Structures are given as structure tokens and as C-alpha cells.
Amino acid sequence: MWSIDIVCSDPECEWQAEVLLDELEEAELLVCECGHCAVVRAVARFDAVYLSVDGATAGARALALSAEPA
């Protein structure tokens, strides 16, 4: 996954945004709300991590870790 910081190519426009994209090539399709092209200012790649908020699962995992020999 990619985090893209973009701004408008029109110097008089103050529009800016941060978007999350699955593919970096999708950045070529981004346009400003005023219709001008979006310019990429910064790019960062990261892997999304999804955590469980189920308390029972977290508690069972903590119990299992505490039972493991050091």
C-alpha cells in the first residue's frame, strides 16, 4: 500500500491531500478538485496491519505468551 501526499499543479490553488493507493500507478489518475493535475509531493510505502479488538483473543494470547518457557 502507498501513502501519497499530493498538491495541485496550479500555483494559485491551495488544495492538498493525502491518499492511500494499492498501486503506485494509480497516482497518475489523480486530479485536483479544480480540475488541474495533481502533483506528487511525497511517497511512502507501508504494509497495512489489521489488529483484532476481541478481548478474549488478546487475553488468550497473553496467557499463552506468559506460559512459554524463557
Protein backbone atom coordinates (compact mmCIF):
# COMPACT_ATOMS: atom_id res chain seq x y z
CA MET A 1 0.00 0.00 0.00
CA TRP A 2 1.20 3.51 -0.77
CA SER A 3 0.63 6.80 1.05
CA ILE A 4 0.82 9.69 -1.43
CA ASP A 5 0.98 13.38 -0.47
CA ILE A 6 -0.32 15.45 -3.40
CA VAL A 7 -0.87 19.12 -4.23
CA CYS A 8 -2.48 20.98 -7.12
CA SER A 9 -0.29 21.96 -10.08
CA ASP A 10 -2.00 25.40 -10.20
CA PRO A 11 0.15 27.76 -8.07
CA GLU A 12 -2.96 29.77 -7.11
CA CYS A 13 -4.81 26.71 -5.79
CA GLU A 14 -4.15 25.68 -2.17
CA TRP A 15 -5.61 22.17 -2.48
CA GLN A 16 -3.60 19.33 -1.00
CA ALA A 17 -4.43 15.81 0.12
CA GLU A 18 -3.02 12.55 1.36
CA VAL A 19 -4.36 9.46 -0.37
CA LEU A 20 -3.84 5.74 0.14
CA LEU A 21 -3.37 3.67 -3.01
CA ASP A 22 -2.94 -0.04 -3.61
CA GLU A 23 -0.82 0.53 -6.73
CA LEU A 24 1.60 3.42 -7.26
CA GLU A 25 0.49 3.73 -10.89
CA GLU A 26 -2.93 4.94 -9.66
CA ALA A 27 -1.29 8.27 -8.71
CA GLU A 28 -1.26 9.19 -12.43
CA LEU A 29 -5.08 9.31 -12.36
CA LEU A 30 -5.37 11.86 -9.53
CA VAL A 31 -6.65 15.35 -10.31
CA CYS A 32 -7.33 18.38 -8.15
CA GLU A 33 -10.86 19.43 -7.23
CA CYS A 34 -10.39 22.48 -9.52
CA GLY A 35 -9.59 20.23 -12.49
CA HIS A 36 -5.81 20.75 -12.68
CA CYS A 37 -3.35 17.89 -12.42
CA ALA A 38 -2.27 16.65 -9.02
CA VAL A 39 1.47 16.71 -8.32
CA VAL A 40 3.02 14.09 -6.06
CA ARG A 41 4.97 15.74 -3.25
CA ALA A 42 5.85 12.68 -1.14
CA VAL A 43 5.51 8.89 -1.36
CA ALA A 44 5.72 6.28 1.39
CA ARG A 45 5.19 2.53 1.15
CA PHE A 46 3.77 0.52 4.03
CA ASP A 47 2.06 -2.77 4.78
CA ALA A 48 -1.37 -2.50 6.36
CA VAL A 49 -1.75 -4.37 9.64
CA TYR A 50 -5.17 -5.30 10.92
CA LEU A 51 -5.46 -5.95 14.64
CA SER A 52 -8.18 -7.82 16.46
CA VAL A 53 -10.08 -5.90 19.11
CA ASP A 54 -11.57 -9.07 20.55
CA GLY A 55 -10.60 -9.01 24.24
CA ALA A 56 -10.90 -12.78 24.63
CA THR A 57 -8.42 -13.42 21.82
CA ALA A 58 -5.95 -10.87 23.19
CA GLY A 59 -6.24 -12.32 26.68
CA ALA A 60 -5.71 -15.88 25.46
CA ARG A 61 -2.61 -14.81 23.50
CA ALA A 62 -1.17 -13.00 26.56
CA LEU A 63 -1.80 -16.11 28.68
CA ALA A 64 -0.08 -18.33 26.10
CA LEU A 65 2.95 -15.99 25.99
CA SER A 66 3.26 -15.94 29.76
CA ALA A 67 3.18 -19.77 29.83
CA GLU A 68 6.08 -20.13 27.34
CA PRO A 69 9.44 -21.01 28.92
CA ALA A 70 12.03 -18.23 28.80
